[in-house]
Amino acid sequence: MTKLLLTLLGLCTLGLCATAFADHERYDDRRWWRNGWEGERKEEFRDGPCRVKLESKRDEFKREIKCKDGRGAWWRGEWKDEFRDGRCRVKQDVKRDEFKEEVKCD
């Protein structure tokens, strides 16, 4: 009986951890637009003190994360970058309290 309870407790703990990580990976991943973001879609939500906006149109994706005074931001520093990822062109404009990313695919 004790082994069964410990096994069930372990499985429940693993299930809770997996769901907690799944939400964070949805927009924090470098290639977030490849995970089910086809077609038109718009999403806005909060992640702690930050506001997150995700938008997609056909072969165009935008992600904007704003954190008041930089609190809660997972990035550090400021930069602008343009690069290709496969058939997609990615532009990033990052400031201390704002992360903007545009992806356009051919």
N, C-alpha and C. Protein backbone atom coordinates (compact mmCIF):
# COMPACT_ATOMS: atom_id res chain seq x y z
N MET A 1 0.83 -1.20 0.00
CA MET A 1 0.00 0.00 0.00
C MET A 1 0.87 1.26 0.00
N THR A 2 1.93 1.24 0.81
CA THR A 2 2.82 2.40 0.89
C THR A 2 3.53 2.63 -0.45
N LYS A 3 3.97 1.54 -1.09
CA LYS A 3 4.64 1.67 -2.38
C LYS A 3 3.70 2.27 -3.43
N LEU A 4 2.45 1.84 -3.38
CA LEU A 4 1.47 2.35 -4.33
C LEU A 4 1.25 3.85 -4.13
N LEU A 5 1.12 4.27 -2.88
CA LEU A 5 0.93 5.69 -2.59
C LEU A 5 2.14 6.52 -3.01
N LEU A 6 3.34 6.02 -2.75
CA LEU A 6 4.55 6.74 -3.15
C LEU A 6 4.65 6.83 -4.67
N THR A 7 4.29 5.76 -5.36
CA THR A 7 4.32 5.77 -6.82
C THR A 7 3.33 6.79 -7.37
N LEU A 8 2.11 6.78 -6.84
CA LEU A 8 1.10 7.75 -7.29
C LEU A 8 1.52 9.18 -6.99
N LEU A 9 2.10 9.41 -5.82
CA LEU A 9 2.58 10.74 -5.47
C LEU A 9 3.67 11.20 -6.43
N GLY A 10 4.59 10.31 -6.77
CA GLY A 10 5.66 10.63 -7.71
C GLY A 10 5.12 10.96 -9.09
N LEU A 11 4.15 10.19 -9.57
CA LEU A 11 3.56 10.45 -10.88
C LEU A 11 2.81 11.77 -10.91
N CYS A 12 2.10 12.08 -9.84
CA CYS A 12 1.39 13.37 -9.77
C CYS A 12 2.37 14.53 -9.78
N THR A 13 3.46 14.39 -9.06
CA THR A 13 4.48 15.44 -9.01
C THR A 13 5.09 15.66 -10.40
N LEU A 14 5.40 14.57 -11.09
CA LEU A 14 5.95 14.70 -12.45
C LEU A 14 4.95 15.36 -13.39
N GLY A 15 3.69 15.01 -13.27
CA GLY A 15 2.66 15.62 -14.12
C GLY A 15 2.53 17.11 -13.88
N LEU A 16 2.59 17.53 -12.63
CA LEU A 16 2.50 18.96 -12.32
C LEU A 16 3.72 19.72 -12.84
N CYS A 17 4.90 19.13 -12.71
CA CYS A 17 6.11 19.78 -13.21
C CYS A 17 6.06 19.94 -14.73
N ALA A 18 5.59 18.92 -15.41
CA ALA A 18 5.53 18.98 -16.88
C ALA A 18 4.59 20.08 -17.35
N THR A 19 3.45 20.24 -16.70
CA THR A 19 2.52 21.30 -17.12
C THR A 19 3.08 22.68 -16.80
N ALA A 20 3.81 22.81 -15.72
CA ALA A 20 4.40 24.11 -15.38
C ALA A 20 5.46 24.51 -16.41
N PHE A 21 6.28 23.57 -16.84
CA PHE A 21 7.31 23.87 -17.82
C PHE A 21 6.73 24.09 -19.21
N ALA A 22 5.66 23.42 -19.55
CA ALA A 22 5.08 23.52 -20.88
C ALA A 22 4.62 24.94 -21.17
N ASP A 23 4.02 25.62 -20.22
CA ASP A 23 3.54 26.98 -20.44
C ASP A 23 4.70 27.94 -20.68
N HIS A 24 5.78 27.79 -19.94
CA HIS A 24 6.93 28.68 -20.08
C HIS A 24 7.62 28.47 -21.42
N GLU A 25 7.74 27.22 -21.85
CA GLU A 25 8.42 26.93 -23.11
C GLU A 25 7.65 27.45 -24.31
N ARG A 26 6.37 27.70 -24.13
CA ARG A 26 5.54 28.11 -25.25
C ARG A 26 6.08 29.35 -25.94
N TYR A 27 6.61 30.31 -25.21
CA TYR A 27 7.08 31.54 -25.85
C TYR A 27 8.53 31.87 -25.52
N ASP A 28 9.15 31.10 -24.67
CA ASP A 28 10.53 31.39 -24.27
C ASP A 28 11.54 30.66 -25.16
N ASP A 29 11.07 29.76 -25.98
CA ASP A 29 11.94 28.98 -26.84
C ASP A 29 12.41 29.84 -28.02
N ARG A 30 13.60 29.61 -28.48
CA ARG A 30 14.14 30.39 -29.60
C ARG A 30 13.29 30.22 -30.87
N ARG A 31 12.73 29.06 -31.07
CA ARG A 31 11.91 28.79 -32.27
C ARG A 31 10.45 28.59 -31.87
N TRP A 32 9.92 29.45 -31.07
CA TRP A 32 8.56 29.32 -30.54
C TRP A 32 7.50 29.29 -31.63
N TRP A 33 7.76 29.96 -32.77
CA TRP A 33 6.75 30.06 -33.82
C TRP A 33 6.52 28.74 -34.54
N ARG A 34 7.41 27.78 -34.38
CA ARG A 34 7.26 26.49 -35.07
C ARG A 34 6.32 25.54 -34.33
N ASN A 35 5.92 25.88 -33.13
CA ASN A 35 5.12 24.98 -32.32
C ASN A 35 3.63 25.31 -32.41
N GLY A 36 3.00 24.99 -33.52
CA GLY A 36 1.57 25.13 -33.66
C GLY A 36 1.07 26.54 -33.87
N TRP A 37 1.88 27.42 -34.46
CA TRP A 37 1.45 28.80 -34.68
C TRP A 37 1.14 29.06 -36.14
N GLU A 38 0.60 28.08 -36.85
CA GLU A 38 0.21 28.29 -38.24
C GLU A 38 -1.13 29.02 -38.26
N GLY A 39 -1.42 29.70 -39.36
CA GLY A 39 -2.69 30.41 -39.49
C GLY A 39 -2.71 31.69 -38.68
N GLU A 40 -3.89 32.30 -38.57
CA GLU A 40 -4.02 33.55 -37.82
C GLU A 40 -4.34 33.24 -36.37
N ARG A 41 -3.63 33.91 -35.48
CA ARG A 41 -3.81 33.66 -34.06
C ARG A 41 -3.27 34.84 -33.29
N LYS A 42 -3.90 35.16 -32.18
CA LYS A 42 -3.45 36.26 -31.33
C LYS A 42 -3.65 35.83 -29.88
N GLU A 43 -2.64 36.10 -29.08
CA GLU A 43 -2.70 35.70 -27.68
C GLU A 43 -2.05 36.78 -26.82
N GLU A 44 -2.66 37.12 -25.71
CA GLU A 44 -2.09 38.06 -24.74
C GLU A 44 -2.26 37.46 -23.36
N PHE A 45 -1.19 37.52 -22.58
CA PHE A 45 -1.26 37.01 -21.21
C PHE A 45 -0.15 37.64 -20.38
N ARG A 46 -0.18 37.38 -19.09
CA ARG A 46 0.85 37.87 -18.18
C ARG A 46 1.70 36.70 -17.73
N ASP A 47 2.98 36.97 -17.60
CA ASP A 47 3.91 36.01 -17.03
C ASP A 47 4.59 36.72 -15.88
N GLY A 48 4.07 36.56 -14.68
CA GLY A 48 4.57 37.30 -13.53
C GLY A 48 4.33 38.78 -13.76
N PRO A 49 5.37 39.62 -13.64
CA PRO A 49 5.18 41.06 -13.84
C PRO A 49 5.20 41.49 -15.31
N CYS A 50 5.40 40.56 -16.22
CA CYS A 50 5.55 40.90 -17.64
C CYS A 50 4.25 40.65 -18.42
N ARG A 51 4.04 41.48 -19.46
CA ARG A 51 2.93 41.29 -20.39
C ARG A 51 3.49 40.68 -21.67
N VAL A 52 2.82 39.65 -22.16
CA VAL A 52 3.29 38.94 -23.34
C VAL A 52 2.20 39.01 -24.42
N LYS A 53 2.61 39.38 -25.63
CA LYS A 53 1.70 39.39 -26.79
C LYS A 53 2.32 38.53 -27.88
N LEU A 54 1.54 37.58 -28.37
CA LEU A 54 1.97 36.72 -29.47
C LEU A 54 0.95 36.86 -30.59
N GLU A 55 1.43 37.06 -31.81
CA GLU A 55 0.54 37.20 -32.97
C GLU A 55 1.11 36.39 -34.13
N SER A 56 0.20 35.86 -34.93
CA SER A 56 0.67 35.19 -36.15
C SER A 56 -0.33 35.42 -37.26
N LYS A 57 0.20 35.60 -38.44
CA LYS A 57 -0.56 35.61 -39.69
C LYS A 57 0.16 34.61 -40.58
N ARG A 58 -0.30 34.44 -41.76
CA ARG A 58 0.34 33.46 -42.64
C ARG A 58 1.81 33.80 -42.85
N ASP A 59 2.69 32.96 -42.35
CA ASP A 59 4.14 33.08 -42.47
C ASP A 59 4.71 34.35 -41.84
N GLU A 60 4.00 34.98 -40.92
CA GLU A 60 4.51 36.12 -40.16
C GLU A 60 4.16 35.92 -38.69
N PHE A 61 5.14 36.14 -37.84
CA PHE A 61 4.95 35.93 -36.41
C PHE A 61 5.56 37.09 -35.65
N LYS A 62 4.90 37.52 -34.58
CA LYS A 62 5.43 38.60 -33.74
C LYS A 62 5.29 38.20 -32.28
N ARG A 63 6.32 38.55 -31.52
CA ARG A 63 6.31 38.31 -30.08
C ARG A 63 6.79 39.59 -29.41
N GLU A 64 6.05 40.04 -28.41
CA GLU A 64 6.42 41.25 -27.68
C GLU A 64 6.24 40.98 -26.19
N ILE A 65 7.31 41.19 -25.44
CA ILE A 65 7.27 40.98 -24.00
C ILE A 65 7.70 42.29 -23.35
N LYS A 66 6.85 42.82 -22.49
CA LYS A 66 7.17 44.07 -21.79
C LYS A 66 7.17 43.80 -20.29
N CYS A 67 8.27 44.17 -19.64
CA CYS A 67 8.42 44.01 -18.20
C CYS A 67 8.71 45.38 -17.60
N LYS A 68 7.83 45.85 -16.75
CA LYS A 68 7.99 47.18 -16.16
C LYS A 68 9.31 47.25 -15.40
N ASP A 69 10.12 48.23 -15.74
CA ASP A 69 11.44 48.46 -15.14
C ASP A 69 12.37 47.26 -15.27
N GLY A 70 12.10 46.35 -16.20
CA GLY A 70 12.97 45.20 -16.42
C GLY A 70 12.82 44.09 -15.41
N ARG A 71 11.89 44.23 -14.46
CA ARG A 71 11.70 43.19 -13.44
C ARG A 71 10.99 41.99 -14.06
N GLY A 72 11.52 40.82 -13.83
CA GLY A 72 10.93 39.60 -14.37
C GLY A 72 11.43 39.23 -15.75
N ALA A 73 12.28 40.04 -16.34
CA ALA A 73 12.80 39.76 -17.69
C ALA A 73 13.83 38.64 -17.63
N TRP A 74 13.75 37.69 -18.57
CA TRP A 74 14.71 36.58 -18.60
C TRP A 74 15.92 36.90 -19.46
N TRP A 75 15.90 38.01 -20.18
CA TRP A 75 17.04 38.41 -21.01
C TRP A 75 17.84 39.49 -20.28
N ARG A 76 19.07 39.67 -20.69
CA ARG A 76 19.93 40.70 -20.10
C ARG A 76 20.58 41.49 -21.23
N GLY A 77 20.69 42.79 -21.05
CA GLY A 77 21.35 43.63 -22.04
C GLY A 77 20.39 44.20 -23.07
N GLU A 78 20.98 44.91 -24.04
CA GLU A 78 20.22 45.51 -25.14
C GLU A 78 20.92 45.16 -26.44
N TRP A 79 20.14 44.79 -27.46
CA TRP A 79 20.73 44.49 -28.75
C TRP A 79 19.67 44.52 -29.85
N LYS A 80 20.17 44.64 -31.07
CA LYS A 80 19.35 44.48 -32.27
C LYS A 80 20.05 43.43 -33.11
N ASP A 81 19.27 42.52 -33.65
CA ASP A 81 19.87 41.42 -34.40
C ASP A 81 18.93 41.00 -35.52
N GLU A 82 19.52 40.59 -36.63
CA GLU A 82 18.78 40.01 -37.75
C GLU A 82 19.53 38.76 -38.17
N PHE A 83 18.78 37.67 -38.35
CA PHE A 83 19.41 36.43 -38.78
C PHE A 83 18.36 35.56 -39.47
N ARG A 84 18.86 34.53 -40.15
CA ARG A 84 17.96 33.58 -40.81
C ARG A 84 17.93 32.30 -40.00
N ASP A 85 16.74 31.72 -39.93
CA ASP A 85 16.57 30.42 -39.29
C ASP A 85 15.81 29.55 -40.28
N GLY A 86 16.53 28.76 -41.04
CA GLY A 86 15.90 27.99 -42.10
C GLY A 86 15.37 28.93 -43.17
N ARG A 87 14.09 28.84 -43.47
CA ARG A 87 13.50 29.71 -44.48
C ARG A 87 12.92 30.98 -43.89
N CYS A 88 13.16 31.24 -42.62
CA CYS A 88 12.59 32.41 -41.93
C CYS A 88 13.66 33.46 -41.63
N ARG A 89 13.27 34.72 -41.74
CA ARG A 89 14.13 35.84 -41.38
C ARG A 89 13.63 36.36 -40.02
N VAL A 90 14.55 36.45 -39.06
CA VAL A 90 14.19 36.82 -37.69
C VAL A 90 14.83 38.16 -37.35
N LYS A 91 14.04 39.08 -36.81
CA LYS A 91 14.54 40.38 -36.34
C LYS A 91 14.23 40.49 -34.86
N GLN A 92 15.25 40.85 -34.09
CA GLN A 92 15.07 41.06 -32.65
C GLN A 92 15.49 42.47 -32.29
N ASP A 93 14.67 43.12 -31.49
CA ASP A 93 14.96 44.45 -30.95
C ASP A 93 14.73 44.35 -29.45
N VAL A 94 15.82 44.35 -28.70
CA VAL A 94 15.73 44.06 -27.27
C VAL A 94 16.26 45.23 -26.46
N LYS A 95 15.49 45.64 -25.48
CA LYS A 95 15.89 46.67 -24.53
C LYS A 95 15.78 46.08 -23.13
N ARG A 96 16.16 46.85 -22.16
CA ARG A 96 16.16 46.35 -20.78
C ARG A 96 14.78 45.87 -20.33
N ASP A 97 13.72 46.57 -20.75
CA ASP A 97 12.38 46.24 -20.27
C ASP A 97 11.45 45.76 -21.39
N GLU A 98 12.00 45.50 -22.59
CA GLU A 98 11.15 45.15 -23.72
C GLU A 98 11.88 44.20 -24.66
N PHE A 99 11.19 43.16 -25.10
CA PHE A 99 11.74 42.18 -26.03
C PHE A 99 10.77 42.08 -27.21
N LYS A 100 11.22 42.48 -28.41
CA LYS A 100 10.39 42.40 -29.61
C LYS A 100 11.07 41.48 -30.61
N GLU A 101 10.27 40.62 -31.20
CA GLU A 101 10.81 39.69 -32.19
C GLU A 101 9.80 39.55 -33.33
N GLU A 102 10.29 39.67 -34.56
CA GLU A 102 9.47 39.49 -35.76
C GLU A 102 10.08 38.38 -36.60
N VAL A 103 9.23 37.49 -37.08
CA VAL A 103 9.68 36.39 -37.91
C VAL A 103 8.86 36.41 -39.20
N LYS A 104 9.55 36.42 -40.34
CA LYS A 104 8.88 36.36 -41.64
C LYS A 104 9.48 35.19 -42.41
N CYS A 105 8.61 34.30 -42.84
CA CYS A 105 9.07 33.12 -43.56
C CYS A 105 8.72 33.22 -45.04
N ASP A 106 9.61 32.71 -45.89
CA ASP A 106 9.41 32.76 -47.34
C ASP A 106 8.47 31.66 -47.79
